[in-house]
Amino acid sequence: MKFEPLELKQPIDQAADFIMRARGHLDSNPITVTKQDVIKCIDEIVNRNPLA
């Protein structure tokens, strides 16, 4: 499967702040998720495009 590259309209740290406010998704995770975890995931998706 190939997907088009993703582009953020804001810096990664601001995107991570936005995601961190979505507590409904994060609080149900059995492992504590930090802002650094979210930043790493965003970076991998946007800059390394693992699905391309």
PDB file of N, CA and C in Angstrom:
ATOM      1  N   MET A   1       0.831  -1.176   0.000  1.00  0.00           N
ATOM      2  CA  MET A   1       0.000   0.000   0.000  1.00  0.00           C
ATOM      3  C   MET A   1       0.877   1.241   0.000  1.00  0.00           C
ATOM      4  N   LYS A   2       0.514   2.188  -0.810  1.00  0.00           N
ATOM      5  CA  LYS A   2       1.231   3.460  -0.835  1.00  0.00           C
ATOM      6  C   LYS A   2       0.277   4.579  -0.461  1.00  0.00           C
ATOM      7  N   PHE A   3       0.753   5.470   0.361  1.00  0.00           N
ATOM      8  CA  PHE A   3      -0.030   6.617   0.779  1.00  0.00           C
ATOM      9  C   PHE A   3       0.710   7.884   0.410  1.00  0.00           C
ATOM     10  N   GLU A   4      -0.042   8.924   0.172  1.00  0.00           N
ATOM     11  CA  GLU A   4       0.563  10.232  -0.079  1.00  0.00           C
ATOM     12  C   GLU A   4       1.279  10.695   1.186  1.00  0.00           C
ATOM     13  N   PRO A   5       2.389  11.408   1.050  1.00  0.00           N
ATOM     14  CA  PRO A   5       3.076  11.936   2.237  1.00  0.00           C
ATOM     15  C   PRO A   5       2.154  12.867   3.024  1.00  0.00           C
ATOM     16  N   LEU A   6       2.306  12.853   4.334  1.00  0.00           N
ATOM     17  CA  LEU A   6       1.533  13.738   5.200  1.00  0.00           C
ATOM     18  C   LEU A   6       2.318  15.011   5.454  1.00  0.00           C
ATOM     19  N   GLU A   7       1.624  16.116   5.504  1.00  0.00           N
ATOM     20  CA  GLU A   7       2.252  17.391   5.828  1.00  0.00           C
ATOM     21  C   GLU A   7       1.501  18.022   6.988  1.00  0.00           C
ATOM     22  N   LEU A   8       2.234  18.492   7.964  1.00  0.00           N
ATOM     23  CA  LEU A   8       1.622  19.193   9.090  1.00  0.00           C
ATOM     24  C   LEU A   8       1.480  20.667   8.758  1.00  0.00           C
ATOM     25  N   LYS A   9       0.439  21.283   9.272  1.00  0.00           N
ATOM     26  CA  LYS A   9       0.236  22.716   9.092  1.00  0.00           C
ATOM     27  C   LYS A   9       0.727  23.494  10.306  1.00  0.00           C
ATOM     28  N   GLN A  10       1.364  22.792  11.234  1.00  0.00           N
ATOM     29  CA  GLN A  10       1.894  23.410  12.441  1.00  0.00           C
ATOM     30  C   GLN A  10       3.144  22.650  12.855  1.00  0.00           C
ATOM     31  N   PRO A  11       3.980  23.230  13.718  1.00  0.00           N
ATOM     32  CA  PRO A  11       5.169  22.521  14.187  1.00  0.00           C
ATOM     33  C   PRO A  11       4.784  21.235  14.938  1.00  0.00           C
ATOM     34  N   ILE A  12       5.676  20.259  14.925  1.00  0.00           N
ATOM     35  CA  ILE A  12       5.413  18.968  15.553  1.00  0.00           C
ATOM     36  C   ILE A  12       5.058  19.121  17.031  1.00  0.00           C
ATOM     37  N   ASP A  13       5.746  20.001  17.762  1.00  0.00           N
ATOM     38  CA  ASP A  13       5.454  20.130  19.193  1.00  0.00           C
ATOM     39  C   ASP A  13       4.044  20.674  19.435  1.00  0.00           C
ATOM     40  N   GLN A  14       3.556  21.554  18.561  1.00  0.00           N
ATOM     41  CA  GLN A  14       2.187  22.045  18.697  1.00  0.00           C
ATOM     42  C   GLN A  14       1.178  20.954  18.349  1.00  0.00           C
ATOM     43  N   ALA A  15       1.494  20.147  17.347  1.00  0.00           N
ATOM     44  CA  ALA A  15       0.621  19.023  16.997  1.00  0.00           C
ATOM     45  C   ALA A  15       0.560  18.038  18.162  1.00  0.00           C
ATOM     46  N   ALA A  16       1.693  17.803  18.809  1.00  0.00           N
ATOM     47  CA  ALA A  16       1.730  16.900  19.964  1.00  0.00           C
ATOM     48  C   ALA A  16       0.888  17.459  21.110  1.00  0.00           C
ATOM     49  N   ASP A  17       0.957  18.760  21.340  1.00  0.00           N
ATOM     50  CA  ASP A  17       0.121  19.379  22.382  1.00  0.00           C
ATOM     51  C   ASP A  17      -1.357  19.149  22.085  1.00  0.00           C
ATOM     52  N   PHE A  18      -1.742  19.303  20.824  1.00  0.00           N
ATOM     53  CA  PHE A  18      -3.134  19.085  20.422  1.00  0.00           C
ATOM     54  C   PHE A  18      -3.554  17.640  20.692  1.00  0.00           C
ATOM     55  N   ILE A  19      -2.700  16.693  20.324  1.00  0.00           N
ATOM     56  CA  ILE A  19      -2.996  15.276  20.539  1.00  0.00           C
ATOM     57  C   ILE A  19      -3.055  14.959  22.030  1.00  0.00           C
ATOM     58  N   MET A  20      -2.174  15.548  22.823  1.00  0.00           N
ATOM     59  CA  MET A  20      -2.153  15.286  24.258  1.00  0.00           C
ATOM     60  C   MET A  20      -3.447  15.743  24.938  1.00  0.00           C
ATOM     61  N   ARG A  21      -4.149  16.693  24.339  1.00  0.00           N
ATOM     62  CA  ARG A  21      -5.424  17.147  24.907  1.00  0.00           C
ATOM     63  C   ARG A  21      -6.552  16.153  24.626  1.00  0.00           C
ATOM     64  N   ALA A  22      -6.331  15.204  23.727  1.00  0.00           N
ATOM     65  CA  ALA A  22      -7.345  14.188  23.393  1.00  0.00           C
ATOM     66  C   ALA A  22      -7.251  13.062  24.416  1.00  0.00           C
ATOM     67  N   ARG A  23      -7.524  13.373  25.651  1.00  0.00           N
ATOM     68  CA  ARG A  23      -7.341  12.434  26.759  1.00  0.00           C
ATOM     69  C   ARG A  23      -8.166  11.160  26.596  1.00  0.00           C
ATOM     70  N   GLY A  24      -9.292  11.212  25.935  1.00  0.00           N
ATOM     71  CA  GLY A  24     -10.122  10.024  25.767  1.00  0.00           C
ATOM     72  C   GLY A  24      -9.383   8.891  25.082  1.00  0.00           C
ATOM     73  N   HIS A  25      -8.508   9.233  24.159  1.00  0.00           N
ATOM     74  CA  HIS A  25      -7.720   8.215  23.463  1.00  0.00           C
ATOM     75  C   HIS A  25      -6.496   7.804  24.278  1.00  0.00           C
ATOM     76  N   LEU A  26      -5.902   8.744  24.967  1.00  0.00           N
ATOM     77  CA  LEU A  26      -4.660   8.469  25.683  1.00  0.00           C
ATOM     78  C   LEU A  26      -4.897   7.796  27.029  1.00  0.00           C
ATOM     79  N   ASP A  27      -5.953   8.190  27.727  1.00  0.00           N
ATOM     80  CA  ASP A  27      -6.190   7.656  29.064  1.00  0.00           C
ATOM     81  C   ASP A  27      -6.549   6.177  29.066  1.00  0.00           C
ATOM     82  N   SER A  28      -7.125   5.693  27.970  1.00  0.00           N
ATOM     83  CA  SER A  28      -7.496   4.276  27.910  1.00  0.00           C
ATOM     84  C   SER A  28      -6.317   3.375  27.553  1.00  0.00           C
ATOM     85  N   ASN A  29      -5.187   3.968  27.217  1.00  0.00           N
ATOM     86  CA  ASN A  29      -3.991   3.206  26.885  1.00  0.00           C
ATOM     87  C   ASN A  29      -3.389   2.638  28.174  1.00  0.00           C
ATOM     88  N   PRO A  30      -3.060   1.346  28.217  1.00  0.00           N
ATOM     89  CA  PRO A  30      -2.491   0.767  29.445  1.00  0.00           C
ATOM     90  C   PRO A  30      -1.073   1.270  29.763  1.00  0.00           C
ATOM     91  N   ILE A  31      -0.423   1.876  28.796  1.00  0.00           N
ATOM     92  CA  ILE A  31       0.926   2.422  28.987  1.00  0.00           C
ATOM     93  C   ILE A  31       0.820   3.944  28.968  1.00  0.00           C
ATOM     94  N   THR A  32       1.492   4.596  29.905  1.00  0.00           N
ATOM     95  CA  THR A  32       1.490   6.052  29.940  1.00  0.00           C
ATOM     96  C   THR A  32       2.141   6.601  28.676  1.00  0.00           C
ATOM     97  N   VAL A  33       1.458   7.533  28.034  1.00  0.00           N
ATOM     98  CA  VAL A  33       1.961   8.153  26.809  1.00  0.00           C
ATOM     99  C   VAL A  33       2.396   9.572  27.144  1.00  0.00           C
ATOM    100  N   THR A  34       3.649   9.896  26.808  1.00  0.00           N
ATOM    101  CA  THR A  34       4.175  11.235  27.072  1.00  0.00           C
ATOM    102  C   THR A  34       4.151  12.068  25.795  1.00  0.00           C
ATOM    103  N   LYS A  35       4.351  13.358  25.964  1.00  0.00           N
ATOM    104  CA  LYS A  35       4.426  14.239  24.797  1.00  0.00           C
ATOM    105  C   LYS A  35       5.582  13.811  23.902  1.00  0.00           C
ATOM    106  N   GLN A  36       6.692  13.398  24.497  1.00  0.00           N
ATOM    107  CA  GLN A  36       7.840  12.946  23.698  1.00  0.00           C
ATOM    108  C   GLN A  36       7.479  11.705  22.878  1.00  0.00           C
ATOM    109  N   ASP A  37       6.670  10.807  23.434  1.00  0.00           N
ATOM    110  CA  ASP A  37       6.206   9.635  22.683  1.00  0.00           C
ATOM    111  C   ASP A  37       5.409  10.076  21.458  1.00  0.00           C
ATOM    112  N   VAL A  38       4.522  11.051  21.662  1.00  0.00           N
ATOM    113  CA  VAL A  38       3.682  11.543  20.573  1.00  0.00           C
ATOM    114  C   VAL A  38       4.542  12.231  19.514  1.00  0.00           C
ATOM    115  N   ILE A  39       5.498  13.040  19.949  1.00  0.00           N
ATOM    116  CA  ILE A  39       6.398  13.721  19.014  1.00  0.00           C
ATOM    117  C   ILE A  39       7.154  12.699  18.175  1.00  0.00           C
ATOM    118  N   LYS A  40       7.643  11.648  18.814  1.00  0.00           N
ATOM    119  CA  LYS A  40       8.384  10.607  18.086  1.00  0.00           C
ATOM    120  C   LYS A  40       7.489   9.943  17.036  1.00  0.00           C
ATOM    121  N   CYS A  41       6.259   9.640  17.401  1.00  0.00           N
ATOM    122  CA  CYS A  41       5.329   9.013  16.453  1.00  0.00           C
ATOM    123  C   CYS A  41       5.034   9.933  15.276  1.00  0.00           C
ATOM    124  N   ILE A  42       4.746  11.201  15.575  1.00  0.00           N
ATOM    125  CA  ILE A  42       4.471  12.155  14.499  1.00  0.00           C
ATOM    126  C   ILE A  42       5.673  12.276  13.580  1.00  0.00           C
ATOM    127  N   ASP A  43       6.855  12.387  14.165  1.00  0.00           N
ATOM    128  CA  ASP A  43       8.080  12.511  13.374  1.00  0.00           C
ATOM    129  C   ASP A  43       8.262  11.309  12.456  1.00  0.00           C
ATOM    130  N   GLU A  44       8.041  10.116  12.975  1.00  0.00           N
ATOM    131  CA  GLU A  44       8.191   8.910  12.153  1.00  0.00           C
ATOM    132  C   GLU A  44       7.186   8.891  11.009  1.00  0.00           C
ATOM    133  N   ILE A  45       5.960   9.288  11.279  1.00  0.00           N
ATOM    134  CA  ILE A  45       4.923   9.261  10.256  1.00  0.00           C
ATOM    135  C   ILE A  45       5.171  10.321   9.188  1.00  0.00           C
ATOM    136  N   VAL A  46       5.497  11.540   9.628  1.00  0.00           N
ATOM    137  CA  VAL A  46       5.639  12.652   8.682  1.00  0.00           C
ATOM    138  C   VAL A  46       6.985  12.640   7.962  1.00  0.00           C
ATOM    139  N   ASN A  47       8.065  12.421   8.686  1.00  0.00           N
ATOM    140  CA  ASN A  47       9.394  12.553   8.095  1.00  0.00           C
ATOM    141  C   ASN A  47       9.978  11.260   7.537  1.00  0.00           C
ATOM    142  N   ARG A  48       9.513  10.127   8.015  1.00  0.00           N
ATOM    143  CA  ARG A  48      10.056   8.861   7.529  1.00  0.00           C
ATOM    144  C   ARG A  48       9.058   8.118   6.669  1.00  0.00           C
ATOM    145  N   ASN A  49       7.788   8.532   6.705  1.00  0.00           N
ATOM    146  CA  ASN A  49       6.703   7.964   5.911  1.00  0.00           C
ATOM    147  C   ASN A  49       6.796   6.439   5.819  1.00  0.00           C
ATOM    148  N   PRO A  50       6.564   5.732   6.940  1.00  0.00           N
ATOM    149  CA  PRO A  50       6.771   4.284   6.992  1.00  0.00           C
ATOM    150  C   PRO A  50       5.850   3.492   6.076  1.00  0.00           C
ATOM    151  N   LEU A  51       4.767   4.065   5.606  1.00  0.00           N
ATOM    152  CA  LEU A  51       3.836   3.328   4.754  1.00  0.00           C
ATOM    153  C   LEU A  51       4.065   3.557   3.274  1.00  0.00           C
ATOM    154  N   ALA A  52       5.040   4.392   2.938  1.00  0.00           N
ATOM    155  CA  ALA A  52       5.304   4.683   1.516  1.00  0.00           C
ATOM    156  C   ALA A  52       6.140   3.602   0.895  1.00  0.00           C
TER     157      ALA A  52
END
